[in-house]
């Protein structure tokens, strides 16, 4: 079985997306919600 590993950045992005799965967002919104710097999403 393959072990799934995620970076902290990936976890933050997924958490931000799962807050409201049906909502469409821009990368900037996702980055802000995940606490990431500009240009990382």
PDB file of N, CA and C in Angstrom:
ATOM      1  N   UNK A   1       0.842  -1.174   0.000  1.00  0.00           N
ATOM      2  CA  UNK A   1       0.000   0.000   0.000  1.00  0.00           C
ATOM      3  C   UNK A   1       0.892   1.243   0.000  1.00  0.00           C
ATOM      4  N   UNK A   2       0.471   2.259  -0.721  1.00  0.00           N
ATOM      5  CA  UNK A   2       1.225   3.505  -0.832  1.00  0.00           C
ATOM      6  C   UNK A   2       0.861   4.430   0.322  1.00  0.00           C
ATOM      7  N   UNK A   3       1.884   4.992   0.941  1.00  0.00           N
ATOM      8  CA  UNK A   3       1.659   5.933   2.039  1.00  0.00           C
ATOM      9  C   UNK A   3       1.481   7.329   1.453  1.00  0.00           C
ATOM     10  N   UNK A   4       0.388   7.977   1.788  1.00  0.00           N
ATOM     11  CA  UNK A   4       0.102   9.326   1.304  1.00  0.00           C
ATOM     12  C   UNK A   4       0.684  10.338   2.275  1.00  0.00           C
ATOM     13  N   UNK A   5       1.551  11.202   1.754  1.00  0.00           N
ATOM     14  CA  UNK A   5       2.143  12.247   2.590  1.00  0.00           C
ATOM     15  C   UNK A   5       1.852  13.594   1.943  1.00  0.00           C
ATOM     16  N   UNK A   6       1.516  14.568   2.762  1.00  0.00           N
ATOM     17  CA  UNK A   6       1.211  15.903   2.261  1.00  0.00           C
ATOM     18  C   UNK A   6       2.041  16.942   2.987  1.00  0.00           C
ATOM     19  N   UNK A   7       2.419  17.964   2.255  1.00  0.00           N
ATOM     20  CA  UNK A   7       3.127  19.072   2.884  1.00  0.00           C
ATOM     21  C   UNK A   7       2.125  19.895   3.692  1.00  0.00           C
ATOM     22  N   UNK A   8       2.635  20.704   4.582  1.00  0.00           N
ATOM     23  CA  UNK A   8       1.780  21.583   5.368  1.00  0.00           C
ATOM     24  C   UNK A   8       1.018  22.537   4.457  1.00  0.00           C
ATOM     25  N   UNK A   9       1.663  23.011   3.397  1.00  0.00           N
ATOM     26  CA  UNK A   9       1.005  23.905   2.446  1.00  0.00           C
ATOM     27  C   UNK A   9      -0.192  23.220   1.808  1.00  0.00           C
ATOM     28  N   UNK A  10      -0.023  21.979   1.373  1.00  0.00           N
ATOM     29  CA  UNK A  10      -1.122  21.226   0.771  1.00  0.00           C
ATOM     30  C   UNK A  10      -2.255  21.045   1.765  1.00  0.00           C
ATOM     31  N   UNK A  11      -1.929  20.737   3.002  1.00  0.00           N
ATOM     32  CA  UNK A  11      -2.950  20.569   4.033  1.00  0.00           C
ATOM     33  C   UNK A  11      -3.734  21.856   4.248  1.00  0.00           C
ATOM     34  N   UNK A  12      -3.046  22.975   4.253  1.00  0.00           N
ATOM     35  CA  UNK A  12      -3.718  24.270   4.453  1.00  0.00           C
ATOM     36  C   UNK A  12      -4.645  24.601   3.290  1.00  0.00           C
ATOM     37  N   UNK A  13      -4.195  24.329   2.077  1.00  0.00           N
ATOM     38  CA  UNK A  13      -5.024  24.587   0.900  1.00  0.00           C
ATOM     39  C   UNK A  13      -6.267  23.706   0.935  1.00  0.00           C
ATOM     40  N   UNK A  14      -6.106  22.427   1.218  1.00  0.00           N
ATOM     41  CA  UNK A  14      -7.252  21.522   1.286  1.00  0.00           C
ATOM     42  C   UNK A  14      -8.225  21.928   2.386  1.00  0.00           C
ATOM     43  N   UNK A  15      -7.698  22.334   3.522  1.00  0.00           N
ATOM     44  CA  UNK A  15      -8.549  22.792   4.623  1.00  0.00           C
ATOM     45  C   UNK A  15      -9.365  24.006   4.196  1.00  0.00           C
ATOM     46  N   UNK A  16      -8.731  24.941   3.501  1.00  0.00           N
ATOM     47  CA  UNK A  16      -9.432  26.136   3.026  1.00  0.00           C
ATOM     48  C   UNK A  16     -10.532  25.758   2.034  1.00  0.00           C
ATOM     49  N   UNK A  17     -10.248  24.816   1.149  1.00  0.00           N
ATOM     50  CA  UNK A  17     -11.241  24.391   0.162  1.00  0.00           C
ATOM     51  C   UNK A  17     -12.396  23.632   0.806  1.00  0.00           C
ATOM     52  N   UNK A  18     -12.106  22.862   1.831  1.00  0.00           N
ATOM     53  CA  UNK A  18     -13.138  22.053   2.476  1.00  0.00           C
ATOM     54  C   UNK A  18     -14.045  22.850   3.407  1.00  0.00           C
ATOM     55  N   UNK A  19     -13.684  24.096   3.696  1.00  0.00           N
ATOM     56  CA  UNK A  19     -14.559  24.936   4.517  1.00  0.00           C
ATOM     57  C   UNK A  19     -15.901  25.141   3.829  1.00  0.00           C
ATOM     58  N   UNK A  20     -15.884  25.233   2.497  1.00  0.00           N
ATOM     59  CA  UNK A  20     -17.109  25.392   1.712  1.00  0.00           C
ATOM     60  C   UNK A  20     -16.868  24.749   0.346  1.00  0.00           C
ATOM     61  N   UNK A  21     -17.016  23.424   0.254  1.00  0.00           N
ATOM     62  CA  UNK A  21     -16.646  22.689  -0.956  1.00  0.00           C
ATOM     63  C   UNK A  21     -17.371  23.113  -2.235  1.00  0.00           C
ATOM     64  N   UNK A  22     -18.569  23.634  -2.128  1.00  0.00           N
ATOM     65  CA  UNK A  22     -19.331  24.000  -3.312  1.00  0.00           C
ATOM     66  C   UNK A  22     -19.019  25.381  -3.856  1.00  0.00           C
ATOM     67  N   UNK A  23     -18.231  26.137  -3.140  1.00  0.00           N
ATOM     68  CA  UNK A  23     -17.942  27.525  -3.520  1.00  0.00           C
ATOM     69  C   UNK A  23     -16.742  27.592  -4.469  1.00  0.00           C
ATOM     70  N   UNK A  24     -16.892  28.368  -5.547  1.00  0.00           N
ATOM     71  CA  UNK A  24     -15.780  28.592  -6.469  1.00  0.00           C
ATOM     72  C   UNK A  24     -14.916  29.723  -5.931  1.00  0.00           C
ATOM     73  N   UNK A  25     -13.596  29.593  -6.093  1.00  0.00           N
ATOM     74  CA  UNK A  25     -12.664  30.607  -5.586  1.00  0.00           C
ATOM     75  C   UNK A  25     -11.510  30.809  -6.550  1.00  0.00           C
ATOM     76  N   UNK A  26     -10.893  31.957  -6.405  1.00  0.00           N
ATOM     77  CA  UNK A  26      -9.659  32.254  -7.127  1.00  0.00           C
ATOM     78  C   UNK A  26      -8.487  31.804  -6.269  1.00  0.00           C
ATOM     79  N   UNK A  27      -7.344  31.576  -6.899  1.00  0.00           N
ATOM     80  CA  UNK A  27      -6.151  31.167  -6.176  1.00  0.00           C
ATOM     81  C   UNK A  27      -5.779  32.128  -5.070  1.00  0.00           C
ATOM     82  N   UNK A  28      -5.995  33.415  -5.322  1.00  0.00           N
ATOM     83  CA  UNK A  28      -5.668  34.430  -4.313  1.00  0.00           C
ATOM     84  C   UNK A  28      -6.482  34.218  -3.041  1.00  0.00           C
ATOM     85  N   UNK A  29      -7.771  33.941  -3.209  1.00  0.00           N
ATOM     86  CA  UNK A  29      -8.640  33.701  -2.047  1.00  0.00           C
ATOM     87  C   UNK A  29      -8.185  32.466  -1.269  1.00  0.00           C
ATOM     88  N   UNK A  30      -7.835  31.429  -1.997  1.00  0.00           N
ATOM     89  CA  UNK A  30      -7.384  30.194  -1.355  1.00  0.00           C
ATOM     90  C   UNK A  30      -6.094  30.451  -0.583  1.00  0.00           C
ATOM     91  N   UNK A  31      -5.184  31.164  -1.221  1.00  0.00           N
ATOM     92  CA  UNK A  31      -3.917  31.484  -0.574  1.00  0.00           C
ATOM     93  C   UNK A  31      -4.100  32.293   0.690  1.00  0.00           C
ATOM     94  N   UNK A  32      -4.979  33.286   0.642  1.00  0.00           N
ATOM     95  CA  UNK A  32      -5.237  34.108   1.827  1.00  0.00           C
ATOM     96  C   UNK A  32      -5.855  33.275   2.941  1.00  0.00           C
ATOM     97  N   UNK A  33      -6.820  32.432   2.585  1.00  0.00           N
ATOM     98  CA  UNK A  33      -7.479  31.589   3.587  1.00  0.00           C
ATOM     99  C   UNK A  33      -6.498  30.592   4.207  1.00  0.00           C
ATOM    100  N   UNK A  34      -5.519  30.167   3.415  1.00  0.00           N
ATOM    101  CA  UNK A  34      -4.539  29.194   3.894  1.00  0.00           C
ATOM    102  C   UNK A  34      -3.332  29.864   4.552  1.00  0.00           C
ATOM    103  N   UNK A  35      -3.296  31.191   4.512  1.00  0.00           N
ATOM    104  CA  UNK A  35      -2.179  31.913   5.118  1.00  0.00           C
ATOM    105  C   UNK A  35      -0.890  31.812   4.320  1.00  0.00           C
ATOM    106  N   UNK A  36      -1.020  31.733   2.987  1.00  0.00           N
ATOM    107  CA  UNK A  36       0.151  31.595   2.125  1.00  0.00           C
ATOM    108  C   UNK A  36       0.516  32.918   1.464  1.00  0.00           C
ATOM    109  N   UNK A  37       1.776  33.035   1.094  1.00  0.00           N
ATOM    110  CA  UNK A  37       2.234  34.240   0.410  1.00  0.00           C
ATOM    111  C   UNK A  37       1.757  34.243  -1.039  1.00  0.00           C
ATOM    112  N   UNK A  38       1.687  35.412  -1.623  1.00  0.00           N
ATOM    113  CA  UNK A  38       1.293  35.572  -3.013  1.00  0.00           C
ATOM    114  C   UNK A  38       2.221  34.774  -3.926  1.00  0.00           C
ATOM    115  N   UNK A  39       1.629  34.140  -4.934  1.00  0.00           N
ATOM    116  CA  UNK A  39       2.416  33.389  -5.904  1.00  0.00           C
ATOM    117  C   UNK A  39       2.697  31.947  -5.540  1.00  0.00           C
ATOM    118  N   UNK A  40       2.185  31.486  -4.418  1.00  0.00           N
ATOM    119  CA  UNK A  40       2.446  30.102  -4.021  1.00  0.00           C
ATOM    120  C   UNK A  40       1.321  29.152  -4.404  1.00  0.00           C
ATOM    121  N   UNK A  41       0.201  29.679  -4.844  1.00  0.00           N
ATOM    122  CA  UNK A  41      -0.923  28.823  -5.255  1.00  0.00           C
ATOM    123  C   UNK A  41      -1.071  28.916  -6.758  1.00  0.00           C
TER     124      UNK A  41
END
